[in-house]
């Protein structure tokens, strides 16, 4: 089945597609595909530290915290740096959802992951994705990885080989298109 070349769109557009496809696939699975007592739900993959405190910059109209505000530490001005770099693809990786198929008692029995460009944007992101998926397999969770992104220098034989190499390293040749 032909599919769009998702390398030609920006990360935000791919994220929108990713989110809508997750919901559509979940509905299809819940529409009679799964056996009784099982259900599919989109769920956010939480990774990394979650902040305990969120600091917001107040606008001039709303005022500023006073010295009497207990337990609040706010920088007077944003830090000055020489270089600022942000990788848009990796921002969306942290927001990506997946489908978890659960038994009615709550046990996760299967996961559907859709690879995004951010999963291959850096060594760190690829390693995190591979480790996350390998951990699911090691826990006995069935896993479907949908990879619409062509192999990169970080996964020259594709992401499926990178994941399987966590268990058994063996020769693998990508099928011709």
Protein backbone atom coordinates (compact mmCIF):
# COMPACT_ATOMS: atom_id res chain seq x y z
CA UNK A 1 0.00 0.00 0.00
CA UNK A 2 1.53 3.37 -0.95
CA UNK A 3 2.05 5.79 1.89
CA UNK A 4 3.02 9.44 2.06
CA UNK A 5 6.67 10.45 2.25
CA UNK A 6 6.57 11.73 5.83
CA UNK A 7 10.17 12.95 5.63
CA UNK A 8 8.87 15.92 3.63
CA UNK A 9 6.61 17.40 6.30
CA UNK A 10 7.49 19.30 9.45
CA UNK A 11 7.38 17.65 12.85
CA UNK A 12 4.17 19.40 13.92
CA UNK A 13 2.24 18.10 10.91
CA UNK A 14 3.52 14.56 11.47
CA UNK A 15 2.52 14.83 15.14
CA UNK A 16 -1.04 15.77 14.13
CA UNK A 17 -1.18 12.77 11.77
CA UNK A 18 0.30 10.53 14.47
CA UNK A 19 -2.32 11.59 17.02
CA UNK A 20 -5.25 11.14 14.63
CA UNK A 21 -4.01 7.76 13.44
CA UNK A 22 -3.63 6.51 17.03
CA UNK A 23 -7.27 7.44 17.74
CA UNK A 24 -8.50 5.92 14.46
CA UNK A 25 -6.64 2.64 15.06
CA UNK A 26 -7.94 2.47 18.64
CA UNK A 27 -11.52 2.90 17.43
CA UNK A 28 -11.02 0.19 14.81
CA UNK A 29 -9.59 -2.23 17.39
CA UNK A 30 -12.50 -1.52 19.75
CA UNK A 31 -15.00 -1.86 16.90
CA UNK A 32 -14.99 -5.65 17.01
CA UNK A 33 -11.40 -6.58 16.15
CA UNK A 34 -10.32 -7.38 19.71
CA UNK A 35 -11.73 -10.38 21.58
CA UNK A 36 -14.26 -9.82 24.37
CA UNK A 37 -12.72 -8.58 27.63
CA UNK A 38 -10.01 -6.59 25.79
CA UNK A 39 -9.94 -2.92 24.88
CA UNK A 40 -7.54 -0.49 23.21
CA UNK A 41 -6.84 3.00 24.52
CA UNK A 42 -4.55 5.75 23.31
CA UNK A 43 -2.14 6.59 26.09
CA UNK A 44 0.70 9.02 26.38
CA UNK A 45 4.14 7.54 26.72
CA UNK A 46 5.69 9.32 29.69
CA UNK A 47 9.46 9.55 29.55
CA UNK A 48 12.03 11.38 31.53
CA UNK A 49 11.53 13.61 34.53
CA UNK A 50 8.17 15.22 35.12
CA UNK A 51 8.49 18.65 36.72
CA UNK A 52 7.19 19.05 40.26
CA UNK A 53 6.79 22.79 39.77
CA UNK A 54 5.90 24.74 36.67
CA UNK A 55 7.08 28.36 36.61
CA UNK A 56 5.10 30.73 34.44
CA UNK A 57 6.13 34.21 33.42
CA UNK A 58 3.42 36.67 34.44
CA UNK A 59 2.44 39.47 32.12
CA UNK A 60 2.74 43.11 33.21
CA UNK A 61 -1.05 43.46 33.47
CA UNK A 62 -1.39 40.56 35.91
CA UNK A 63 1.37 41.75 38.22
CA UNK A 64 4.40 40.04 39.65
CA UNK A 65 4.84 37.89 42.72
CA UNK A 66 5.75 39.92 45.76
CA UNK A 67 8.53 39.32 48.26
CA UNK A 68 5.88 37.98 50.64
CA UNK A 69 5.02 35.08 48.33
CA UNK A 70 6.21 32.05 50.31
CA UNK A 71 8.48 29.46 48.71
CA UNK A 72 8.75 31.06 45.29
CA UNK A 73 12.06 31.56 43.51
CA UNK A 74 11.88 33.28 40.14
CA UNK A 75 14.74 34.48 37.98
CA UNK A 76 14.57 38.24 37.46
CA UNK A 77 15.47 37.87 33.79
CA UNK A 78 15.81 34.94 31.42
CA UNK A 79 19.31 33.46 31.44
CA UNK A 80 21.65 34.86 28.80
CA UNK A 81 23.36 32.31 26.61
CA UNK A 82 25.49 32.41 23.49
CA UNK A 83 23.76 29.54 21.75
CA UNK A 84 20.21 28.26 21.94
CA UNK A 85 19.22 25.15 19.98
CA UNK A 86 15.91 23.36 20.01
CA UNK A 87 15.19 20.17 18.10
CA UNK A 88 11.55 20.38 17.09
CA UNK A 89 11.33 16.66 16.30
CA UNK A 90 12.34 15.64 19.81
CA UNK A 91 9.76 17.96 21.38
CA UNK A 92 6.99 15.96 19.71
CA UNK A 93 8.50 12.60 20.70
CA UNK A 94 7.73 13.41 24.32
CA UNK A 95 4.11 14.16 23.38
CA UNK A 96 3.56 11.05 21.27
CA UNK A 97 0.83 8.60 22.11
CA UNK A 98 0.68 4.88 21.61
CA UNK A 99 -2.08 2.30 21.77
CA UNK A 100 -2.19 -0.01 24.75
CA UNK A 101 -4.40 -3.09 24.50
CA UNK A 102 -5.52 -4.16 27.94
CA UNK A 103 -7.44 -7.00 29.45
CA UNK A 104 -10.54 -5.84 31.32
CA UNK A 105 -8.57 -6.25 34.57
CA UNK A 106 -6.10 -3.62 33.37
CA UNK A 107 -3.11 -5.78 32.37
CA UNK A 108 -1.34 -4.49 29.24
CA UNK A 109 -1.15 -7.35 26.73
CA UNK A 110 -0.15 -5.48 23.57
CA UNK A 111 1.18 -2.10 22.46
CA UNK A 112 1.09 -0.39 19.06
CA UNK A 113 3.87 2.17 18.55
CA UNK A 114 4.03 4.47 15.52
CA UNK A 115 7.60 5.66 14.92
CA UNK A 116 7.91 9.43 14.49
CA UNK A 117 10.78 11.38 12.92
CA UNK A 118 11.85 12.40 16.42
CA UNK A 119 12.45 8.76 17.37
CA UNK A 120 15.29 8.76 14.83
CA UNK A 121 16.42 12.38 15.23
CA UNK A 122 19.36 11.59 17.52
CA UNK A 123 21.27 8.67 19.00
CA UNK A 124 19.63 9.39 22.34
CA UNK A 125 16.07 9.34 20.96
CA UNK A 126 16.66 6.17 18.94
CA UNK A 127 18.25 4.43 21.94
CA UNK A 128 15.32 5.49 24.17
CA UNK A 129 12.78 4.12 21.68
CA UNK A 130 14.67 0.85 21.21
CA UNK A 131 15.06 0.37 24.98
CA UNK A 132 11.40 1.16 25.62
CA UNK A 133 10.19 -1.32 23.01
CA UNK A 134 12.70 -4.01 24.01
CA UNK A 135 11.51 -3.68 27.62
CA UNK A 136 7.92 -4.28 26.50
CA UNK A 137 8.95 -7.45 24.66
CA UNK A 138 11.02 -8.62 27.64
CA UNK A 139 7.93 -8.19 29.86
CA UNK A 140 5.91 -10.43 27.53
CA UNK A 141 3.87 -7.62 25.97
CA UNK A 142 2.99 -8.13 22.32
CA UNK A 143 4.37 -5.26 20.24
CA UNK A 144 3.54 -3.83 16.82
CA UNK A 145 5.91 -1.12 15.59
CA UNK A 146 4.73 0.86 12.57
CA UNK A 147 7.68 2.65 10.99
CA UNK A 148 6.77 5.11 8.23
CA UNK A 149 10.19 6.80 8.40
CA UNK A 150 12.94 5.45 6.11
CA UNK A 151 16.05 3.95 7.72
CA UNK A 152 18.63 6.52 8.77
CA UNK A 153 22.34 6.44 9.54
CA UNK A 154 21.34 5.53 13.10
CA UNK A 155 19.18 2.56 12.01
CA UNK A 156 20.54 1.59 8.57
CA UNK A 157 18.65 -1.73 8.55
CA UNK A 158 15.49 -0.17 9.97
CA UNK A 159 14.18 0.25 13.48
CA UNK A 160 12.87 -3.32 13.67
CA UNK A 161 16.42 -4.67 13.32
CA UNK A 162 17.65 -2.20 15.94
CA UNK A 163 15.00 -3.49 18.36
CA UNK A 164 15.62 -7.17 17.60
CA UNK A 165 19.39 -6.68 18.04
CA UNK A 166 18.63 -6.11 21.74
CA UNK A 167 17.80 -9.84 21.88
CA UNK A 168 19.68 -11.55 19.04
CA UNK A 169 22.13 -10.00 16.61
CA UNK A 170 21.75 -11.70 13.26
CA UNK A 171 22.15 -10.78 9.63
CA UNK A 172 19.20 -8.99 8.13
CA UNK A 173 18.53 -7.54 4.71
CA UNK A 174 15.76 -5.02 4.16
CA UNK A 175 13.32 -6.16 1.47
CA UNK A 176 13.48 -4.25 -1.82
CA UNK A 177 10.74 -1.65 -2.26
